[in-house]
Protein backbone atom coordinates (compact mmCIF):
# COMPACT_ATOMS: atom_id res chain seq x y z
CA UNK A 1 0.00 0.00 0.00
CA UNK A 2 1.26 3.44 -0.85
CA UNK A 3 0.74 6.11 1.74
CA UNK A 4 0.56 9.38 -0.12
CA UNK A 5 2.46 12.65 0.15
CA UNK A 6 2.83 14.06 3.65
CA UNK A 7 2.64 17.82 4.13
CA UNK A 8 2.62 19.93 7.29
CA UNK A 9 -1.17 20.27 7.41
CA UNK A 10 -2.45 17.02 5.93
CA UNK A 11 -1.69 13.76 4.13
CA UNK A 12 -2.69 13.54 0.47
CA UNK A 13 -3.89 10.14 -0.67
CA UNK A 14 -5.00 8.72 -4.01
CA UNK A 15 -7.15 5.82 -5.19
CA UNK A 16 -4.06 3.58 -4.81
CA UNK A 17 -4.24 4.14 -1.03
CA UNK A 18 -7.84 2.91 -0.69
CA UNK A 19 -9.15 1.44 1.48
CA UNK A 20 -7.38 3.85 3.82
CA UNK A 21 -6.52 3.02 7.40
CA UNK A 22 -4.71 4.96 10.10
CA UNK A 23 -2.04 4.49 11.25
CA UNK A 24 -0.48 3.85 7.85
CA UNK A 25 2.37 1.33 7.53
CA UNK A 26 5.01 4.07 7.19
CA UNK A 27 4.11 5.81 10.48
CA UNK A 28 6.55 5.45 13.33
CA UNK A 29 5.80 3.06 16.17
CA UNK A 30 5.34 5.98 18.58
CA UNK A 31 2.42 7.14 16.43
CA UNK A 32 0.64 3.78 16.73
CA UNK A 33 -2.95 3.57 17.87
CA UNK A 34 -5.76 1.10 17.12
CA UNK A 35 -6.23 0.65 13.37
CA UNK A 36 -9.23 2.61 12.11
CA UNK A 37 -10.80 2.93 8.64
CA UNK A 38 -10.69 6.49 7.26
CA UNK A 39 -13.63 7.15 4.88
CA UNK A 40 -11.82 9.75 2.77
CA UNK A 41 -13.54 8.52 -0.41
CA UNK A 42 -16.96 9.80 0.77
CA UNK A 43 -16.31 13.55 1.04
CA UNK A 44 -12.72 13.98 -0.16
CA UNK A 45 -11.22 14.35 3.29
CA UNK A 46 -11.48 12.81 6.74
CA UNK A 47 -9.70 13.09 10.07
CA UNK A 48 -8.43 10.21 12.18
CA UNK A 49 -10.40 10.11 15.46
CA UNK A 50 -7.30 8.95 17.37
CA UNK A 51 -4.39 11.09 16.17
CA UNK A 52 -6.27 13.86 14.31
CA UNK A 53 -4.26 13.35 11.12
CA UNK A 54 -6.21 14.93 8.24
CA UNK A 55 -6.31 12.87 5.06
CA UNK A 56 -7.25 14.60 1.79
CA UNK A 57 -8.04 12.76 -1.41
CA UNK A 58 -6.06 13.95 -4.43
CA UNK A 59 -7.72 13.52 -7.81
CA UNK A 60 -11.20 12.38 -8.74
CA UNK A 61 -13.17 10.62 -6.03
CA UNK A 62 -14.06 7.01 -6.88
CA UNK A 63 -17.60 6.54 -8.12
CA UNK A 64 -19.78 4.07 -6.23
CA UNK A 65 -21.42 1.16 -7.95
CA UNK A 66 -25.04 1.67 -8.95
C-alpha atoms as a PDB file:
ATOM      1  CA  UNK A   1       0.000   0.000   0.000  1.00  0.00           C
ATOM      2  CA  UNK A   2       1.259   3.442  -0.850  1.00  0.00           C
ATOM      3  CA  UNK A   3       0.743   6.108   1.741  1.00  0.00           C
ATOM      4  CA  UNK A   4       0.563   9.379  -0.124  1.00  0.00           C
ATOM      5  CA  UNK A   5       2.456  12.649   0.146  1.00  0.00           C
ATOM      6  CA  UNK A   6       2.830  14.056   3.654  1.00  0.00           C
ATOM      7  CA  UNK A   7       2.643  17.821   4.134  1.00  0.00           C
ATOM      8  CA  UNK A   8       2.616  19.928   7.287  1.00  0.00           C
ATOM      9  CA  UNK A   9      -1.171  20.272   7.405  1.00  0.00           C
ATOM     10  CA  UNK A  10      -2.446  17.017   5.930  1.00  0.00           C
ATOM     11  CA  UNK A  11      -1.689  13.759   4.134  1.00  0.00           C
ATOM     12  CA  UNK A  12      -2.686  13.544   0.468  1.00  0.00           C
ATOM     13  CA  UNK A  13      -3.893  10.145  -0.670  1.00  0.00           C
ATOM     14  CA  UNK A  14      -4.999   8.717  -4.011  1.00  0.00           C
ATOM     15  CA  UNK A  15      -7.146   5.824  -5.189  1.00  0.00           C
ATOM     16  CA  UNK A  16      -4.058   3.580  -4.808  1.00  0.00           C
ATOM     17  CA  UNK A  17      -4.243   4.144  -1.030  1.00  0.00           C
ATOM     18  CA  UNK A  18      -7.838   2.906  -0.694  1.00  0.00           C
ATOM     19  CA  UNK A  19      -9.146   1.441   1.483  1.00  0.00           C
ATOM     20  CA  UNK A  20      -7.382   3.848   3.818  1.00  0.00           C
ATOM     21  CA  UNK A  21      -6.524   3.018   7.403  1.00  0.00           C
ATOM     22  CA  UNK A  22      -4.709   4.957  10.098  1.00  0.00           C
ATOM     23  CA  UNK A  23      -2.040   4.487  11.251  1.00  0.00           C
ATOM     24  CA  UNK A  24      -0.476   3.847   7.852  1.00  0.00           C
ATOM     25  CA  UNK A  25       2.372   1.325   7.526  1.00  0.00           C
ATOM     26  CA  UNK A  26       5.010   4.066   7.190  1.00  0.00           C
ATOM     27  CA  UNK A  27       4.107   5.805  10.478  1.00  0.00           C
ATOM     28  CA  UNK A  28       6.554   5.447  13.330  1.00  0.00           C
ATOM     29  CA  UNK A  29       5.804   3.061  16.169  1.00  0.00           C
ATOM     30  CA  UNK A  30       5.342   5.980  18.580  1.00  0.00           C
ATOM     31  CA  UNK A  31       2.417   7.137  16.427  1.00  0.00           C
ATOM     32  CA  UNK A  32       0.645   3.782  16.728  1.00  0.00           C
ATOM     33  CA  UNK A  33      -2.955   3.566  17.874  1.00  0.00           C
ATOM     34  CA  UNK A  34      -5.762   1.099  17.119  1.00  0.00           C
ATOM     35  CA  UNK A  35      -6.229   0.652  13.373  1.00  0.00           C
ATOM     36  CA  UNK A  36      -9.228   2.609  12.106  1.00  0.00           C
ATOM     37  CA  UNK A  37     -10.802   2.929   8.641  1.00  0.00           C
ATOM     38  CA  UNK A  38     -10.687   6.487   7.263  1.00  0.00           C
ATOM     39  CA  UNK A  39     -13.634   7.150   4.875  1.00  0.00           C
ATOM     40  CA  UNK A  40     -11.821   9.752   2.772  1.00  0.00           C
ATOM     41  CA  UNK A  41     -13.542   8.521  -0.410  1.00  0.00           C
ATOM     42  CA  UNK A  42     -16.958   9.801   0.768  1.00  0.00           C
ATOM     43  CA  UNK A  43     -16.306  13.554   1.038  1.00  0.00           C
ATOM     44  CA  UNK A  44     -12.722  13.979  -0.155  1.00  0.00           C
ATOM     45  CA  UNK A  45     -11.223  14.349   3.291  1.00  0.00           C
ATOM     46  CA  UNK A  46     -11.479  12.812   6.739  1.00  0.00           C
ATOM     47  CA  UNK A  47      -9.699  13.088  10.066  1.00  0.00           C
ATOM     48  CA  UNK A  48      -8.425  10.209  12.184  1.00  0.00           C
ATOM     49  CA  UNK A  49     -10.396  10.113  15.458  1.00  0.00           C
ATOM     50  CA  UNK A  50      -7.302   8.948  17.373  1.00  0.00           C
ATOM     51  CA  UNK A  51      -4.388  11.088  16.174  1.00  0.00           C
ATOM     52  CA  UNK A  52      -6.268  13.860  14.311  1.00  0.00           C
ATOM     53  CA  UNK A  53      -4.265  13.346  11.116  1.00  0.00           C
ATOM     54  CA  UNK A  54      -6.208  14.934   8.243  1.00  0.00           C
ATOM     55  CA  UNK A  55      -6.306  12.871   5.059  1.00  0.00           C
ATOM     56  CA  UNK A  56      -7.248  14.596   1.791  1.00  0.00           C
ATOM     57  CA  UNK A  57      -8.037  12.756  -1.411  1.00  0.00           C
ATOM     58  CA  UNK A  58      -6.064  13.946  -4.434  1.00  0.00           C
ATOM     59  CA  UNK A  59      -7.717  13.524  -7.814  1.00  0.00           C
ATOM     60  CA  UNK A  60     -11.201  12.381  -8.739  1.00  0.00           C
ATOM     61  CA  UNK A  61     -13.173  10.619  -6.030  1.00  0.00           C
ATOM     62  CA  UNK A  62     -14.057   7.011  -6.875  1.00  0.00           C
ATOM     63  CA  UNK A  63     -17.596   6.539  -8.117  1.00  0.00           C
ATOM     64  CA  UNK A  64     -19.782   4.072  -6.227  1.00  0.00           C
ATOM     65  CA  UNK A  65     -21.421   1.157  -7.950  1.00  0.00           C
ATOM     66  CA  UNK A  66     -25.043   1.673  -8.952  1.00  0.00           C
END
